[in-house]
Protein backbone atom coordinates (compact mmCIF):
# COMPACT_ATOMS: atom_id res chain seq x y z
CA MET A 1 45.17 53.78 34.57
CA PRO A 2 44.04 50.87 36.80
CA LYS A 3 42.26 53.38 39.03
CA ASN A 4 40.09 54.56 36.15
CA LYS A 5 39.19 50.97 35.21
CA PHE A 6 38.41 50.17 38.84
CA LEU A 7 35.94 53.05 39.05
CA ASP A 8 34.34 52.08 35.76
CA ASN A 9 33.97 48.50 36.97
CA SER A 10 32.48 49.70 40.26
CA ILE A 11 29.88 51.77 38.41
CA ILE A 12 28.86 48.84 36.17
CA PRO A 13 28.18 46.23 38.91
CA LEU A 14 25.70 48.45 40.71
CA PRO A 15 22.68 46.13 40.64
CA THR A 16 24.77 43.60 42.56
CA ILE A 17 25.10 45.92 45.56
CA PRO A 18 22.65 48.84 45.29
CA ALA A 19 22.98 49.47 49.03
CA ALA A 20 26.62 50.45 48.48
CA THR A 21 25.48 53.30 46.22
CA THR A 22 23.24 54.86 48.87
CA LYS A 23 25.05 53.60 51.97
CA PRO A 24 28.71 52.74 51.27
CA MET A 25 29.40 52.46 55.00
CA ASP A 26 26.46 50.10 55.51
CA GLY A 27 27.78 47.87 52.72
CA VAL A 28 31.21 47.68 54.36
CA ILE A 29 29.73 46.81 57.74
CA PHE A 30 27.41 44.21 56.22
CA LYS A 31 30.31 42.58 54.35
CA LEU A 32 32.35 42.53 57.56
CA ASP A 33 29.39 41.29 59.57
CA ILE A 34 28.97 38.26 57.29
CA PRO A 35 32.50 36.83 57.72
CA MET A 36 32.46 37.64 61.43
CA LYS A 37 29.20 35.77 62.00
CA ALA A 38 30.13 32.96 59.63
CA PRO A 39 32.90 31.44 61.82
CA GLN A 40 30.67 31.65 64.88
């Protein structure tokens, strides 16, 4: 059941991260790039 809700929630907050819809890999790299560059 939690899986279904998770997908629904992911579909709703699309305007927050539109790049994730077209480029899910790019979004992951960008999110990882932020914390990696932050400590530097």
